[in-house]
Protein backbone atom coordinates (compact mmCIF):
# COMPACT_ATOMS: atom_id res chain seq x y z
CA MET A 1 60.65 31.12 131.32
CA ASP A 2 63.17 29.14 129.23
CA ASN A 3 63.24 31.94 126.61
CA LEU A 4 64.71 34.30 129.24
CA ARG A 5 67.56 32.05 130.09
CA ASN A 6 70.16 33.39 127.83
CA ILE A 7 68.72 36.91 127.07
CA TRP A 8 72.04 38.68 127.85
CA LYS A 9 75.07 38.06 125.70
CA PRO A 10 78.23 38.26 127.79
CA GLU A 11 80.84 37.79 124.97
CA LEU A 12 81.95 41.45 124.79
CA TYR A 13 82.14 41.58 128.52
CA ARG A 14 84.49 38.70 128.67
CA ILE A 15 86.59 40.15 125.87
CA GLN A 16 86.83 43.42 127.55
CA LEU A 17 88.05 41.80 130.81
CA GLU A 18 91.10 40.66 128.63
CA ALA A 19 92.00 44.17 127.62
CA PRO A 20 95.44 45.44 128.92
CA LYS A 21 95.32 47.83 131.83
CA PRO A 22 97.00 51.24 131.76
CA HIS A 23 100.56 51.15 133.30
CA ARG A 24 102.08 54.66 133.60
CA ILE A 25 105.74 54.90 133.01
CA ILE A 26 107.08 57.60 135.42
CA CYS A 27 109.54 60.40 134.83
CA GLU A 28 110.48 62.20 137.92
CA ASN A 29 111.36 65.80 138.47
CA ARG A 30 110.34 67.44 135.22
CA PRO A 31 110.41 71.21 135.72
CA ASP A 32 108.92 71.77 132.30
CA LYS A 33 105.89 69.48 132.95
CA PRO A 34 102.54 71.12 131.99
CA GLU A 35 100.12 71.49 134.84
CA PHE A 36 97.61 69.14 133.21
CA TYR A 37 99.94 66.18 132.96
CA GLY A 38 101.45 64.07 135.85
CA LYS A 39 104.56 61.97 136.20
CA GLU A 40 103.81 60.20 132.88
CA TYR A 41 105.17 63.35 131.16
CA HIS A 42 108.80 62.77 129.78
CA GLY A 43 109.47 66.12 128.18
CA ILE A 44 110.93 66.39 124.70
CA MET A 45 111.50 62.81 123.30
CA GLY A 46 111.60 61.42 119.80
CA HIS A 47 109.82 58.38 118.37
CA LYS A 48 112.91 56.06 118.44
CA GLU A 49 113.62 56.95 122.12
CA ALA A 50 110.06 56.47 123.25
CA THR A 51 109.98 53.16 121.44
CA LEU A 52 113.07 51.96 123.21
CA ARG A 53 111.70 53.16 126.67
CA LEU A 54 108.60 51.03 126.17
CA GLN A 55 110.20 47.98 124.25
CA ASN A 56 110.44 45.80 127.34
CA GLU A 57 107.29 47.08 129.21
CA PRO A 58 103.92 45.13 129.39
CA ASN A 59 101.07 45.89 127.05
CA GLY A 60 99.25 48.89 128.44
CA ALA A 61 102.36 50.77 129.44
CA TYR A 62 102.30 54.42 128.30
CA LEU A 63 104.01 57.81 128.53
CA ILE A 64 103.41 61.36 127.31
CA ARG A 65 106.08 63.36 125.48
CA ARG A 66 106.73 66.24 123.14
CA GLY A 67 108.36 65.88 119.86
CA ASN A 68 109.79 69.32 119.77
CA ASP A 69 109.04 72.87 121.05
CA PHE A 70 107.23 73.91 117.93
CA ASN A 71 104.46 71.29 117.91
CA ASP A 72 101.01 72.53 119.08
CA PHE A 73 100.29 68.97 120.48
CA TYR A 74 101.80 66.40 122.69
CA THR A 75 102.22 62.73 121.88
CA LEU A 76 100.84 59.80 123.75
CA THR A 77 102.94 56.70 123.25
CA TRP A 78 101.79 53.25 124.37
CA ARG A 79 102.42 49.53 124.00
CA PHE A 80 99.60 47.49 122.58
CA ASN A 81 99.52 44.01 121.03
CA ASP A 82 103.31 43.93 121.53
CA LYS A 83 103.77 46.97 119.35
CA ILE A 84 104.47 50.61 120.02
CA HIS A 85 101.90 53.14 118.93
CA HIS A 86 102.07 56.97 118.90
CA TYR A 87 98.98 59.36 118.89
CA LYS A 88 98.63 63.12 118.65
CA LEU A 89 97.33 64.25 122.16
CA TYR A 90 95.61 67.59 122.81
CA TYR A 91 94.23 69.42 125.87
CA ASP A 92 91.43 72.14 125.86
CA GLY A 93 90.42 71.75 129.52
CA HIS A 94 89.79 68.10 128.67
CA HIS A 95 92.18 65.47 127.28
CA TYR A 96 91.39 64.15 123.79
CA LEU A 97 92.71 62.43 120.77
CA LYS A 98 89.61 62.74 118.43
CA ASP A 99 86.06 63.31 119.54
CA LYS A 100 85.82 61.97 123.01
CA ARG A 101 86.75 64.20 126.05
CA TYR A 102 88.22 63.00 129.27
CA ASP A 103 88.76 64.52 132.62
CA CYS A 104 92.09 62.75 133.10
CA ILE A 105 94.73 60.88 131.17
CA TYR A 106 94.19 57.57 132.94
CA ASP A 107 90.53 57.56 131.59
CA LEU A 108 91.72 58.28 128.13
CA VAL A 109 94.30 55.67 128.10
CA ALA A 110 92.01 53.02 129.76
CA ASP A 111 89.15 53.68 127.29
CA GLY A 112 91.69 53.74 124.34
CA LEU A 113 93.16 50.31 125.30
CA ILE A 114 89.63 48.83 125.69
CA THR A 115 88.72 50.23 122.33
CA THR A 116 91.59 49.08 120.31
CA HIS A 117 91.43 45.65 122.13
CA MET A 118 87.80 45.26 121.06
CA GLU A 119 88.48 46.34 117.51
CA LEU A 120 91.14 43.69 117.45
CA LYS A 121 89.45 40.84 119.27
CA ALA A 122 85.77 41.40 118.73
CA ARG A 123 85.38 42.75 115.29
CA HIS A 124 83.12 39.98 114.15
CA ILE A 125 80.67 40.65 117.10
CA LEU A 126 80.71 44.38 116.50
CA GLU A 127 79.90 43.76 112.75
CA MET A 128 76.95 41.42 113.79
CA ILE A 129 75.59 44.05 116.19
CA ASN A 130 75.37 46.54 113.33
CA SER A 131 73.34 44.19 111.22
CA ARG A 132 71.09 42.14 113.54
CA ALA A 133 68.70 43.53 116.17
CA SER A 134 64.91 43.09 116.19
CA TYR A 135 62.97 45.34 118.57
CA THR A 136 60.21 42.66 119.07
CA GLU A 137 62.77 40.15 120.10
CA SER A 138 64.90 42.62 122.15
CA PRO A 139 65.48 42.10 125.94
CA TYR A 140 63.36 45.24 126.53
CA VAL A 141 60.30 43.83 125.07
CA THR A 142 60.96 40.23 126.32
CA LEU A 143 61.47 41.29 129.88
CA ASN A 144 58.46 43.56 129.86
CA ARG A 145 56.12 41.72 127.57
CA ARG A 146 53.26 41.36 130.07
CA LYS A 147 53.59 45.01 131.26
CA LEU A 148 53.74 46.35 127.68
CA THR A 149 50.64 44.35 126.85
CA THR A 150 48.87 45.70 129.95
CA LEU A 151 49.87 49.19 128.97
CA GLN A 152 48.39 48.87 125.46
CA ARG A 153 45.26 47.43 126.82
CA LYS A 154 44.75 50.42 128.98
CA GLN A 155 45.50 52.77 126.11
CA GLN A 156 42.96 50.86 123.93
CA ALA A 157 40.36 50.99 126.75
CA ASN A 158 40.94 54.74 127.13
CA ARG A 159 40.42 55.36 123.33
CA GLN A 160 37.56 52.74 123.16
CA LEU A 161 39.59 50.76 120.68
CA PRO A 162 38.55 47.14 120.62
CA ILE A 163 41.01 44.23 120.93
CA THR A 164 40.31 41.96 118.08
CA THR A 165 40.69 38.24 118.77
CA THR A 166 38.77 35.02 118.53
CA ASP A 167 36.89 33.03 121.18
CA ASN A 168 39.37 30.29 121.12
CA ALA A 169 42.59 32.32 121.00
CA SER A 170 44.98 31.53 123.84
CA THR A 171 46.29 34.16 126.17
CA LEU A 172 49.71 33.55 124.90
CA GLU A 173 48.69 34.20 121.33
CA LEU A 174 46.80 37.32 122.42
CA ASP A 175 49.96 38.63 124.31
CA LYS A 176 52.10 38.00 121.29
CA LYS A 177 49.79 40.00 118.95
CA LEU A 178 49.49 42.81 121.27
CA VAL A 179 53.29 43.03 121.68
CA LEU A 180 53.69 42.99 117.90
CA ASP A 181 51.17 45.77 117.66
CA LEU A 182 53.69 47.92 119.56
CA THR A 183 56.08 48.02 116.70
CA PRO A 184 56.11 51.06 114.47
CA SER A 185 56.13 48.91 111.38
CA LEU A 186 52.39 48.59 111.64
CA GLU A 187 51.58 52.02 110.42
CA GLU A 188 47.86 51.35 110.54
CA ASN A 189 47.83 51.00 114.26
CA PRO A 190 46.23 54.28 115.61
CA LEU A 191 48.03 53.98 118.87
CA LEU A 192 51.35 54.26 117.06
CA GLN A 193 50.05 57.23 115.04
CA SER A 194 49.16 59.01 118.13
CA LYS A 195 50.59 58.66 121.71
CA TYR A 196 53.02 55.74 120.93
CA SER A 197 54.67 57.44 118.01
CA LYS A 198 57.15 59.38 119.83
CA SER A 199 60.87 59.64 119.17
CA HIS A 200 63.45 58.80 121.77
CA THR A 201 65.62 61.54 123.20
CA PHE A 202 68.99 59.78 123.01
CA LYS A 203 72.01 61.42 124.62
CA VAL A 204 75.47 60.04 124.77
CA HIS A 205 75.96 58.57 128.31
CA THR A 206 78.71 57.32 130.49
CA PHE A 207 77.37 54.44 132.48
CA LYS A 208 78.62 53.39 135.89
CA GLY A 209 78.71 49.65 136.46
CA LEU A 210 77.91 47.24 133.81
CA ASN A 211 75.12 47.69 131.35
CA TRP A 212 73.79 45.87 128.30
CA CYS A 213 72.02 47.23 125.26
CA GLU A 214 68.37 46.72 125.50
CA LEU A 215 67.96 46.27 121.69
CA CYS A 216 70.77 43.74 120.76
CA ALA A 217 71.47 42.36 124.29
CA ASN A 218 75.20 42.90 123.93
CA PHE A 219 77.46 44.47 126.57
CA LEU A 220 78.03 48.32 126.41
CA TRP A 221 81.69 48.03 126.23
CA GLY A 222 84.20 50.78 127.03
CA PHE A 223 85.28 52.95 129.90
CA THR A 224 83.29 56.03 129.12
CA ALA A 225 80.54 57.18 126.76
CA GLN A 226 79.67 53.50 126.15
CA GLY A 227 76.25 54.26 124.50
CA VAL A 228 73.20 56.41 124.68
CA LYS A 229 70.26 56.70 127.00
CA CYS A 230 66.91 58.13 126.38
CA GLU A 231 66.29 61.12 128.65
CA ASP A 232 62.54 60.50 128.67
CA CYS A 233 62.14 56.78 129.17
CA GLY A 234 65.59 55.49 130.10
CA PHE A 235 66.00 53.14 127.15
CA ILE A 236 69.71 52.39 126.79
CA ALA A 237 71.55 51.15 123.63
CA HIS A 238 74.71 51.16 121.69
CA SER A 239 74.91 54.33 119.52
CA LYS A 240 74.45 52.33 116.32
CA CYS A 241 71.62 50.26 117.80
CA SER A 242 69.75 53.42 118.81
CA GLU A 243 69.49 54.30 115.09
CA ARG A 244 67.17 51.19 114.71
CA VAL A 245 65.01 51.65 117.81
CA PRO A 246 61.55 52.42 116.78
CA ASN A 247 59.52 55.57 117.77
CA HIS A 248 58.08 53.94 120.75
CA CYS A 249 59.19 56.25 123.72
CA VAL A 250 56.73 56.60 126.52
CA PRO A 251 58.14 58.62 129.45
CA ASP A 252 56.53 56.46 132.13
CA LEU A 253 58.23 53.38 130.80
CA LYS A 254 61.12 54.29 133.25
CA LYS A 255 59.03 52.61 135.84
CA ILE A 256 58.48 49.52 133.52
CA ARG A 257 62.18 48.67 133.35
CA GLY A 258 61.98 47.53 136.99
CA VAL A 259 64.60 45.45 138.74
CA PHE A 260 64.94 42.19 136.77
CA GLY A 261 67.87 42.03 134.19
CA ILE A 262 69.69 44.92 135.67
CA ASP A 263 73.39 44.57 136.56
CA LEU A 264 73.64 43.91 140.35
CA THR A 265 76.23 46.76 141.22
CA THR A 266 74.18 49.20 139.07
CA LEU A 267 70.90 48.36 140.70
CA LEU A 268 72.29 48.58 144.27
CA ASN A 269 73.92 51.83 143.55
CA ALA A 270 70.75 53.18 142.21
CA HIS A 271 68.76 52.03 145.24
CA SER A 272 71.47 52.94 147.81
CA SER A 273 71.44 49.38 149.08
CA THR A 274 73.74 46.49 149.98
CA LEU A 275 71.29 43.68 148.90
CA PRO A 276 68.55 43.41 146.22
CA PHE A 277 65.21 43.56 147.90
CA VAL A 278 63.97 40.80 145.63
CA VAL A 279 66.49 38.42 147.05
CA ARG A 280 65.89 39.52 150.66
CA LYS A 281 62.23 39.28 150.51
CA CYS A 282 62.05 35.94 148.68
CA VAL A 283 64.68 34.29 151.07
CA SER A 284 62.58 35.72 154.10
CA GLU A 285 59.46 34.24 152.70
CA ILE A 286 61.00 30.86 151.89
CA GLU A 287 62.54 30.64 155.41
CA ALA A 288 59.23 31.53 156.89
CA ARG A 289 57.10 28.91 155.27
CA GLY A 290 59.02 26.85 152.82
CA MET A 291 62.09 25.26 154.41
CA ASP A 292 60.20 21.96 154.83
CA SER A 293 58.77 21.95 151.36
CA GLU A 294 59.89 18.84 149.51
CA GLY A 295 61.87 19.74 146.42
CA ILE A 296 62.19 23.52 147.19
CA TYR A 297 64.12 25.09 144.34
CA ARG A 298 63.83 21.99 142.37
CA VAL A 299 60.02 21.83 141.78
CA SER A 300 58.81 24.52 139.35
CA GLY A 301 56.22 27.03 140.22
CA PHE A 302 53.52 28.03 137.74
CA ALA A 303 55.01 30.29 135.08
CA ASP A 304 52.05 32.70 135.10
CA GLU A 305 52.24 33.24 138.81
CA ILE A 306 56.06 33.70 138.69
CA GLU A 307 55.45 36.38 135.98
CA ALA A 308 52.70 37.92 138.29
CA LEU A 309 55.19 38.11 141.29
CA LYS A 310 57.96 39.53 138.95
CA MET A 311 55.51 42.27 137.88
CA ALA A 312 54.55 42.89 141.57
CA PHE A 313 58.29 43.54 142.30
CA ASP A 314 58.76 45.68 139.38
CA LYS A 315 55.63 47.71 140.17
CA ASP A 316 55.54 47.78 144.02
CA GLY A 317 59.22 47.30 144.85
CA GLU A 318 59.77 46.65 148.61
CA ALA A 319 56.02 46.73 149.11
CA ALA A 320 55.31 43.75 146.95
CA ASP A 321 53.17 41.24 148.93
CA LEU A 322 54.52 37.69 148.67
CA SER A 323 51.91 36.19 151.12
CA GLN A 324 49.30 36.14 148.34
CA PHE A 325 51.36 33.48 146.58
CA SER A 326 50.35 30.37 148.50
CA ASN A 327 52.61 28.10 146.44
CA ILE A 328 56.09 28.68 148.00
CA ASN A 329 57.61 27.22 144.66
CA VAL A 330 56.40 30.37 142.94
CA VAL A 331 58.55 32.53 145.31
CA ALA A 332 61.57 30.18 144.88
CA GLY A 333 60.99 30.32 141.15
CA THR A 334 60.97 34.06 141.14
CA LEU A 335 64.07 34.19 143.04
CA LYS A 336 65.78 31.83 140.64
CA LEU A 337 64.39 34.00 137.70
CA TYR A 338 65.96 37.12 139.22
CA LEU A 339 69.35 35.58 139.70
CA ARG A 340 69.24 33.91 136.17
CA LEU A 341 68.57 37.19 134.59
CA LEU A 342 71.47 39.02 136.08
CA PRO A 343 73.70 39.98 133.00
CA VAL A 344 76.79 38.86 135.08
CA PRO A 345 75.96 35.95 137.48
CA LEU A 346 76.89 36.17 141.17
CA ILE A 347 80.08 34.05 140.58
CA THR A 348 81.55 36.08 137.78
CA TYR A 349 83.33 35.02 134.62
CA ASP A 350 86.72 36.11 135.76
CA VAL A 351 86.35 34.10 138.97
CA HIS A 352 84.99 31.01 137.31
CA PRO A 353 88.47 29.24 136.49
CA LYS A 354 89.75 29.64 140.12
CA PHE A 355 86.24 28.64 141.55
CA VAL A 356 86.24 25.37 139.71
CA GLN A 357 89.94 24.85 140.53
CA ALA A 358 88.93 24.74 144.23
CA THR A 359 87.43 21.30 143.73
CA GLN A 360 90.82 19.93 142.96
CA MET A 361 92.36 20.78 146.23
CA LYS A 362 93.13 17.65 148.34
CA THR A 363 91.97 18.75 151.73
CA PRO A 364 88.79 20.60 153.01
CA SER A 365 91.01 23.27 154.47
CA ASP A 366 92.70 23.82 151.16
CA GLN A 367 89.30 23.96 149.48
CA VAL A 368 88.02 26.43 152.12
CA GLY A 369 91.26 28.64 151.46
CA MET A 370 90.87 28.61 147.55
CA LEU A 371 87.07 29.36 147.88
CA ARG A 372 87.92 32.28 150.17
CA GLU A 373 90.42 33.62 147.60
CA CYS A 374 87.73 33.36 144.94
CA LEU A 375 85.14 35.24 146.98
CA ASP A 376 87.72 38.05 147.78
CA LEU A 377 87.98 38.62 143.80
CA LEU A 378 84.21 39.25 143.42
CA PRO A 379 82.88 42.74 143.20
CA LYS A 380 81.56 43.87 146.46
CA ALA A 381 77.84 43.65 145.47
CA HIS A 382 78.35 40.15 144.23
CA TYR A 383 80.17 39.05 147.28
CA ASN A 384 77.53 40.45 149.75
CA CYS A 385 74.55 38.84 147.71
CA LEU A 386 76.33 35.47 147.22
CA GLN A 387 77.02 35.30 150.93
CA TYR A 388 73.37 36.01 151.75
CA VAL A 389 72.21 33.32 149.20
CA VAL A 390 74.85 30.70 150.18
CA GLN A 391 74.06 31.07 154.02
CA HIS A 392 70.39 30.60 153.04
CA LEU A 393 71.17 27.48 151.00
CA TYR A 394 73.20 26.10 153.79
CA ARG A 395 70.09 26.39 156.16
CA VAL A 396 67.95 24.72 153.44
CA SER A 397 70.47 21.85 153.22
CA GLN A 398 70.34 21.47 156.92
CA MET A 399 66.70 20.31 156.62
CA SER A 400 67.40 17.92 153.69
CA GLU A 401 65.76 14.95 155.59
CA VAL A 402 62.48 16.84 155.28
CA ASN A 403 62.83 18.77 152.06
CA LYS A 404 65.01 16.33 150.22
CA MET A 405 67.30 19.10 149.06
CA GLY A 406 70.78 18.51 150.30
CA SER A 407 73.78 20.57 149.18
CA HIS A 408 74.36 18.29 145.98
CA ASN A 409 70.76 18.72 144.93
CA LEU A 410 70.73 22.36 145.57
CA SER A 411 74.01 22.76 143.56
CA THR A 412 72.72 20.79 140.71
CA VAL A 413 69.66 22.99 140.37
CA LEU A 414 71.39 26.32 141.01
CA ALA A 415 74.89 26.04 139.48
CA PRO A 416 73.65 27.11 136.01
CA THR A 417 72.10 30.25 137.60
CA LEU A 418 74.85 31.19 140.12
CA VAL A 419 77.97 30.40 138.17
CA ALA A 420 79.17 32.22 135.03
CA THR A 421 80.19 29.40 132.71
CA PRO A 422 81.95 29.91 129.27
CA PRO A 423 79.69 28.84 126.39
CA ALA A 424 82.03 26.03 125.42
CA VAL A 425 81.42 24.35 128.87
CA THR A 426 78.49 21.88 128.60
CA ASP A 427 79.47 19.63 131.48
CA LEU A 428 78.82 21.44 134.71
CA SER A 429 80.02 18.72 137.14
CA PHE A 430 83.03 20.92 138.30
CA GLU A 431 80.70 23.95 138.79
CA ILE A 432 78.31 21.69 140.77
CA ARG A 433 81.04 20.36 142.96
CA ALA A 434 82.39 23.70 143.67
CA LEU A 435 79.08 25.20 144.50
CA GLN A 436 78.45 22.24 146.77
CA ALA A 437 81.61 22.82 148.66
CA LEU A 438 80.65 26.56 149.00
CA ILE A 439 77.42 25.36 150.65
CA ASP A 440 78.89 22.59 152.76
CA TYR A 441 81.76 24.69 154.10
CA CYS A 442 79.63 27.86 154.39
CA PRO A 443 80.24 28.12 158.23
CA ALA A 444 84.03 27.84 157.85
CA ILE A 445 84.14 30.13 154.78
CA TYR A 446 81.96 32.95 155.98
CA TYR A 447 82.04 32.83 159.89
CA GLN A 448 85.61 32.22 160.75
CA ASN A 449 88.46 34.68 160.37
CA LYS A 450 86.07 37.19 158.80
């Protein structure tokens, strides 16, 4: 499972978080204001006056004006990177500068600020995305390797095509060969020349929540129309990456994506739920028969059984039967795998600095106060899931005399999974201490004044 640890690349997400936010400069009582603009409209105003108006405003400040009565366009003026920029702005039922259409000005400005920020700060990453992406090493294939292999075996059986291997070939080697056989570069593969040789039906898509490209593993940055999605199988990608995705679209692969590796907020919205069923079912099973298991969460379960349980969750969802896995460490390992594969960990990147700062507070009450402030900054989905997990870990720690897993041991094992840590950080001692405090002070944090 180690090859799954860093499958998603958060750099673009972290850079997007730094983009300036729209800040509307208001002009009151404009009788000449067009009905499709709001108080950001300032009437007829020249470049120099607009520049002076925004000169002392923060980056992200914007207004809309008109150069003169004869122009067939309006002008969007904003402050970005400590400079003033002017753009021709049009309206035809939707607001637009170039190709993208927006329902409201705020969306246009928010997306424009993110786009210009990414072009300025992430150019090297965007150029790399356009040059490096291997389908066989993509998150889509990596996460679903066993299922894709199973799917091909079924297709081969239906067509009575033998699977060529040697008696002493390992299962791992067989799986690798079969996955490679799914790539369209092997034109002699009859599967690809028939059912598997189908083009994706990609359409530009506006994604709600956070999403990552299933080809290159990088964040789908932007405010709207961040990438494309196949209407038939659900494969999502950057527009540029979609040009390199092979003709391997199978409509029922929608079901193959499952629940692992999906952004938490996106998943819960899709399932109309407040908690991932993987987390709830695993925690319930561990608390039913694993609380006294020595080394719970530290002792590894068998990788093939963890993969089997992962497949069961992806296939059967809520109906997955955990009782068939007698080794409780398999259930704990599957829960850790699910949490590790979240593109954004439960304790998010923007909360991380304040989270570790809590360890520097002098008194327990100050630490509790700081930790509460951190939790309040989390997205609602992350807040609820983290609360459920931490309360569970607190109960585990209360049985440490039996299971040998006190709050420090649990934090040492789970901090790399639960806390979003910048790549430059190699010493997790602060993260471990902060997570330990979260577990130790769980009753005070979650049960009082809430």
